[in-house]
Amino acid sequence: MIKIATAAYPLDILSSWAQYEDKVAAWVAGAAGNGAQLLLFPEYGAMELATLAGLDVAANLEASLFAVSDRLADAVSAHLKLAAEYGVHIL
């Protein structure tokens, strides 16, 4: 049997990349600490990365999509690192 954790992930206005890493790490640590092996983050979760480019960018749909795209590889790397650290699968 596998324990699954799902997230009603709140979008925040981020002031730094480190803030994003800390937030995701806290969510992963909490789920893993409760025995979850598969962690499901919502597809919209990455949209808060647009706030790192400024609120004007985040408020513009097209610009925000490009801003998120620019950070997506880093976000995937952060999730891969956390998955390995906690021995979980992250989707």
N, C-alpha and C. Protein backbone atom coordinates (compact mmCIF):
# COMPACT_ATOMS: atom_id res chain seq x y z
N MET A 1 0.85 -1.17 0.00
CA MET A 1 0.00 0.00 0.00
C MET A 1 0.90 1.24 0.00
N ILE A 2 0.46 2.25 -0.71
CA ILE A 2 1.21 3.50 -0.80
C ILE A 2 0.36 4.63 -0.21
N LYS A 3 1.01 5.50 0.54
CA LYS A 3 0.32 6.65 1.11
C LYS A 3 0.56 7.85 0.20
N ILE A 4 -0.52 8.52 -0.16
CA ILE A 4 -0.47 9.66 -1.08
C ILE A 4 -0.84 10.93 -0.34
N ALA A 5 -0.07 11.99 -0.59
CA ALA A 5 -0.39 13.31 -0.04
C ALA A 5 -0.74 14.24 -1.19
N THR A 6 -1.87 14.91 -1.07
CA THR A 6 -2.25 15.92 -2.05
C THR A 6 -2.21 17.29 -1.39
N ALA A 7 -1.99 18.30 -2.20
CA ALA A 7 -1.81 19.64 -1.64
C ALA A 7 -2.85 20.61 -2.20
N ALA A 8 -3.52 21.31 -1.31
CA ALA A 8 -4.31 22.48 -1.68
C ALA A 8 -3.33 23.64 -1.52
N TYR A 9 -2.45 23.74 -2.49
CA TYR A 9 -1.27 24.59 -2.43
C TYR A 9 -1.63 26.07 -2.62
N PRO A 10 -1.35 26.90 -1.63
CA PRO A 10 -1.65 28.33 -1.77
C PRO A 10 -0.56 29.03 -2.56
N LEU A 11 -0.96 29.93 -3.43
CA LEU A 11 0.00 30.73 -4.18
C LEU A 11 0.38 31.95 -3.36
N ASP A 12 1.68 32.19 -3.24
CA ASP A 12 2.19 33.33 -2.49
C ASP A 12 2.93 34.28 -3.41
N ILE A 13 3.10 35.49 -2.95
CA ILE A 13 3.97 36.44 -3.63
C ILE A 13 5.36 36.19 -3.06
N LEU A 14 6.26 35.78 -3.93
CA LEU A 14 7.61 35.40 -3.50
C LEU A 14 8.56 36.57 -3.64
N SER A 15 9.43 36.72 -2.66
CA SER A 15 10.43 37.79 -2.73
C SER A 15 11.80 37.27 -3.15
N SER A 16 11.97 35.93 -3.16
CA SER A 16 13.26 35.36 -3.56
C SER A 16 13.09 33.89 -3.94
N TRP A 17 14.06 33.39 -4.68
CA TRP A 17 14.06 31.98 -5.03
C TRP A 17 14.17 31.13 -3.76
N ALA A 18 14.97 31.58 -2.82
CA ALA A 18 15.14 30.85 -1.55
C ALA A 18 13.80 30.69 -0.84
N GLN A 19 12.95 31.69 -0.90
CA GLN A 19 11.63 31.59 -0.27
C GLN A 19 10.82 30.47 -0.92
N TYR A 20 10.90 30.36 -2.24
CA TYR A 20 10.20 29.27 -2.94
C TYR A 20 10.76 27.92 -2.50
N GLU A 21 12.07 27.78 -2.49
CA GLU A 21 12.69 26.52 -2.08
C GLU A 21 12.30 26.14 -0.66
N ASP A 22 12.31 27.12 0.23
CA ASP A 22 11.93 26.86 1.63
C ASP A 22 10.47 26.41 1.74
N LYS A 23 9.60 27.06 0.97
CA LYS A 23 8.18 26.73 1.01
C LYS A 23 7.94 25.30 0.54
N VAL A 24 8.51 24.96 -0.62
CA VAL A 24 8.31 23.62 -1.16
C VAL A 24 8.94 22.58 -0.24
N ALA A 25 10.12 22.89 0.30
CA ALA A 25 10.79 21.96 1.22
C ALA A 25 9.92 21.70 2.45
N ALA A 26 9.26 22.71 2.97
CA ALA A 26 8.40 22.54 4.13
C ALA A 26 7.21 21.64 3.79
N TRP A 27 6.62 21.82 2.62
CA TRP A 27 5.51 20.98 2.20
C TRP A 27 5.96 19.52 2.05
N VAL A 28 7.12 19.33 1.43
CA VAL A 28 7.62 17.96 1.23
C VAL A 28 7.96 17.32 2.57
N ALA A 29 8.63 18.07 3.43
CA ALA A 29 9.00 17.54 4.74
C ALA A 29 7.76 17.15 5.54
N GLY A 30 6.73 17.97 5.49
CA GLY A 30 5.50 17.67 6.21
C GLY A 30 4.82 16.41 5.70
N ALA A 31 4.74 16.28 4.40
CA ALA A 31 4.09 15.11 3.81
C ALA A 31 4.91 13.85 4.09
N ALA A 32 6.21 13.93 3.89
CA ALA A 32 7.08 12.78 4.15
C ALA A 32 7.05 12.41 5.63
N GLY A 33 7.02 13.41 6.48
CA GLY A 33 6.96 13.18 7.91
C GLY A 33 5.69 12.47 8.36
N ASN A 34 4.64 12.61 7.54
CA ASN A 34 3.38 11.92 7.82
C ASN A 34 3.28 10.58 7.09
N GLY A 35 4.40 10.14 6.52
CA GLY A 35 4.44 8.83 5.90
C GLY A 35 4.05 8.76 4.45
N ALA A 36 3.82 9.90 3.81
CA ALA A 36 3.45 9.88 2.39
C ALA A 36 4.65 9.47 1.54
N GLN A 37 4.36 8.69 0.52
CA GLN A 37 5.39 8.25 -0.41
C GLN A 37 5.23 8.90 -1.78
N LEU A 38 4.02 9.29 -2.12
CA LEU A 38 3.73 9.98 -3.37
C LEU A 38 3.10 11.32 -3.02
N LEU A 39 3.73 12.39 -3.46
CA LEU A 39 3.27 13.75 -3.17
C LEU A 39 2.76 14.38 -4.45
N LEU A 40 1.52 14.83 -4.45
CA LEU A 40 0.90 15.42 -5.62
C LEU A 40 0.71 16.92 -5.41
N PHE A 41 1.44 17.70 -6.19
CA PHE A 41 1.28 19.15 -6.18
C PHE A 41 0.39 19.53 -7.36
N PRO A 42 -0.45 20.55 -7.21
CA PRO A 42 -1.33 20.95 -8.31
C PRO A 42 -0.54 21.61 -9.44
N GLU A 43 -1.06 21.46 -10.64
CA GLU A 43 -0.36 22.01 -11.81
C GLU A 43 -0.24 23.53 -11.76
N TYR A 44 -1.14 24.19 -11.09
CA TYR A 44 -1.08 25.65 -11.01
C TYR A 44 0.00 26.14 -10.04
N GLY A 45 0.57 25.26 -9.24
CA GLY A 45 1.52 25.65 -8.20
C GLY A 45 2.71 26.44 -8.70
N ALA A 46 3.15 26.14 -9.89
CA ALA A 46 4.32 26.85 -10.42
C ALA A 46 4.03 28.31 -10.75
N MET A 47 2.77 28.67 -10.84
CA MET A 47 2.44 30.04 -11.26
C MET A 47 2.96 31.09 -10.29
N GLU A 48 3.18 30.74 -9.03
CA GLU A 48 3.71 31.73 -8.10
C GLU A 48 5.14 32.13 -8.47
N LEU A 49 5.82 31.32 -9.27
CA LEU A 49 7.17 31.68 -9.72
C LEU A 49 7.17 32.96 -10.53
N ALA A 50 6.05 33.29 -11.15
CA ALA A 50 5.96 34.53 -11.93
C ALA A 50 6.16 35.76 -11.04
N THR A 51 5.82 35.66 -9.76
CA THR A 51 5.97 36.81 -8.88
C THR A 51 7.44 37.18 -8.66
N LEU A 52 8.34 36.23 -8.94
CA LEU A 52 9.77 36.54 -8.82
C LEU A 52 10.23 37.54 -9.88
N ALA A 53 9.45 37.66 -10.96
CA ALA A 53 9.75 38.62 -12.02
C ALA A 53 9.07 39.96 -11.78
N GLY A 54 8.33 40.07 -10.69
CA GLY A 54 7.63 41.31 -10.35
C GLY A 54 6.13 41.16 -10.48
N LEU A 55 5.42 41.98 -9.74
CA LEU A 55 3.95 41.88 -9.72
C LEU A 55 3.32 42.28 -11.05
N ASP A 56 3.96 43.19 -11.79
CA ASP A 56 3.42 43.55 -13.10
C ASP A 56 3.46 42.36 -14.05
N VAL A 57 4.54 41.60 -13.99
CA VAL A 57 4.65 40.40 -14.82
C VAL A 57 3.64 39.36 -14.36
N ALA A 58 3.54 39.14 -13.07
CA ALA A 58 2.62 38.14 -12.53
C ALA A 58 1.16 38.47 -12.86
N ALA A 59 0.83 39.73 -13.04
CA ALA A 59 -0.54 40.14 -13.33
C ALA A 59 -0.88 40.04 -14.81
N ASN A 60 0.10 39.76 -15.64
CA ASN A 60 -0.10 39.66 -17.08
C ASN A 60 0.02 38.19 -17.47
N LEU A 61 -1.05 37.61 -17.97
CA LEU A 61 -1.07 36.17 -18.23
C LEU A 61 0.08 35.74 -19.15
N GLU A 62 0.23 36.37 -20.27
CA GLU A 62 1.27 35.96 -21.22
C GLU A 62 2.66 36.13 -20.61
N ALA A 63 2.91 37.27 -20.00
CA ALA A 63 4.22 37.52 -19.39
C ALA A 63 4.49 36.54 -18.25
N SER A 64 3.45 36.23 -17.49
CA SER A 64 3.65 35.31 -16.36
C SER A 64 3.99 33.91 -16.85
N LEU A 65 3.38 33.48 -17.95
CA LEU A 65 3.70 32.16 -18.50
C LEU A 65 5.15 32.08 -18.94
N PHE A 66 5.65 33.14 -19.54
CA PHE A 66 7.07 33.17 -19.93
C PHE A 66 7.97 33.19 -18.70
N ALA A 67 7.58 33.94 -17.68
CA ALA A 67 8.38 34.03 -16.46
C ALA A 67 8.46 32.67 -15.76
N VAL A 68 7.34 31.98 -15.71
CA VAL A 68 7.32 30.64 -15.10
C VAL A 68 8.18 29.69 -15.94
N SER A 69 8.04 29.77 -17.23
CA SER A 69 8.83 28.91 -18.12
C SER A 69 10.33 29.11 -17.90
N ASP A 70 10.73 30.35 -17.65
CA ASP A 70 12.15 30.66 -17.41
C ASP A 70 12.66 30.00 -16.13
N ARG A 71 11.79 29.73 -15.18
CA ARG A 71 12.18 29.16 -13.88
C ARG A 71 11.86 27.67 -13.75
N LEU A 72 11.21 27.11 -14.73
CA LEU A 72 10.70 25.75 -14.60
C LEU A 72 11.81 24.71 -14.41
N ALA A 73 12.91 24.83 -15.13
CA ALA A 73 14.00 23.86 -14.97
C ALA A 73 14.55 23.89 -13.54
N ASP A 74 14.67 25.09 -12.98
CA ASP A 74 15.14 25.21 -11.59
C ASP A 74 14.14 24.59 -10.62
N ALA A 75 12.85 24.78 -10.88
CA ALA A 75 11.82 24.21 -10.01
C ALA A 75 11.85 22.69 -10.07
N VAL A 76 12.01 22.15 -11.27
CA VAL A 76 12.09 20.69 -11.41
C VAL A 76 13.31 20.17 -10.66
N SER A 77 14.44 20.86 -10.78
CA SER A 77 15.65 20.45 -10.06
C SER A 77 15.44 20.47 -8.55
N ALA A 78 14.76 21.49 -8.06
CA ALA A 78 14.49 21.58 -6.62
C ALA A 78 13.61 20.42 -6.16
N HIS A 79 12.60 20.08 -6.95
CA HIS A 79 11.72 18.96 -6.61
C HIS A 79 12.47 17.63 -6.67
N LEU A 80 13.34 17.46 -7.67
CA LEU A 80 14.13 16.23 -7.76
C LEU A 80 15.03 16.06 -6.55
N LYS A 81 15.65 17.15 -6.13
CA LYS A 81 16.54 17.11 -4.97
C LYS A 81 15.75 16.73 -3.71
N LEU A 82 14.58 17.32 -3.53
CA LEU A 82 13.76 17.01 -2.36
C LEU A 82 13.25 15.57 -2.40
N ALA A 83 12.88 15.10 -3.58
CA ALA A 83 12.41 13.72 -3.71
C ALA A 83 13.50 12.74 -3.28
N ALA A 84 14.73 13.01 -3.72
CA ALA A 84 15.85 12.15 -3.34
C ALA A 84 16.15 12.25 -1.85
N GLU A 85 16.14 13.47 -1.33
CA GLU A 85 16.44 13.69 0.09
C GLU A 85 15.45 12.98 1.01
N TYR A 86 14.17 13.02 0.65
CA TYR A 86 13.12 12.45 1.51
C TYR A 86 12.67 11.06 1.08
N GLY A 87 13.22 10.57 -0.02
CA GLY A 87 12.86 9.24 -0.48
C GLY A 87 11.39 9.12 -0.89
N VAL A 88 10.90 10.14 -1.57
CA VAL A 88 9.51 10.17 -2.01
C VAL A 88 9.45 10.40 -3.52
N HIS A 89 8.26 10.26 -4.05
CA HIS A 89 8.00 10.58 -5.46
C HIS A 89 7.14 11.84 -5.47
N ILE A 90 7.51 12.79 -6.32
CA ILE A 90 6.77 14.05 -6.39
C ILE A 90 6.22 14.22 -7.81
N LEU A 91 4.94 14.47 -7.88
CA LEU A 91 4.28 14.71 -9.14
C LEU A 91 3.67 16.09 -9.10
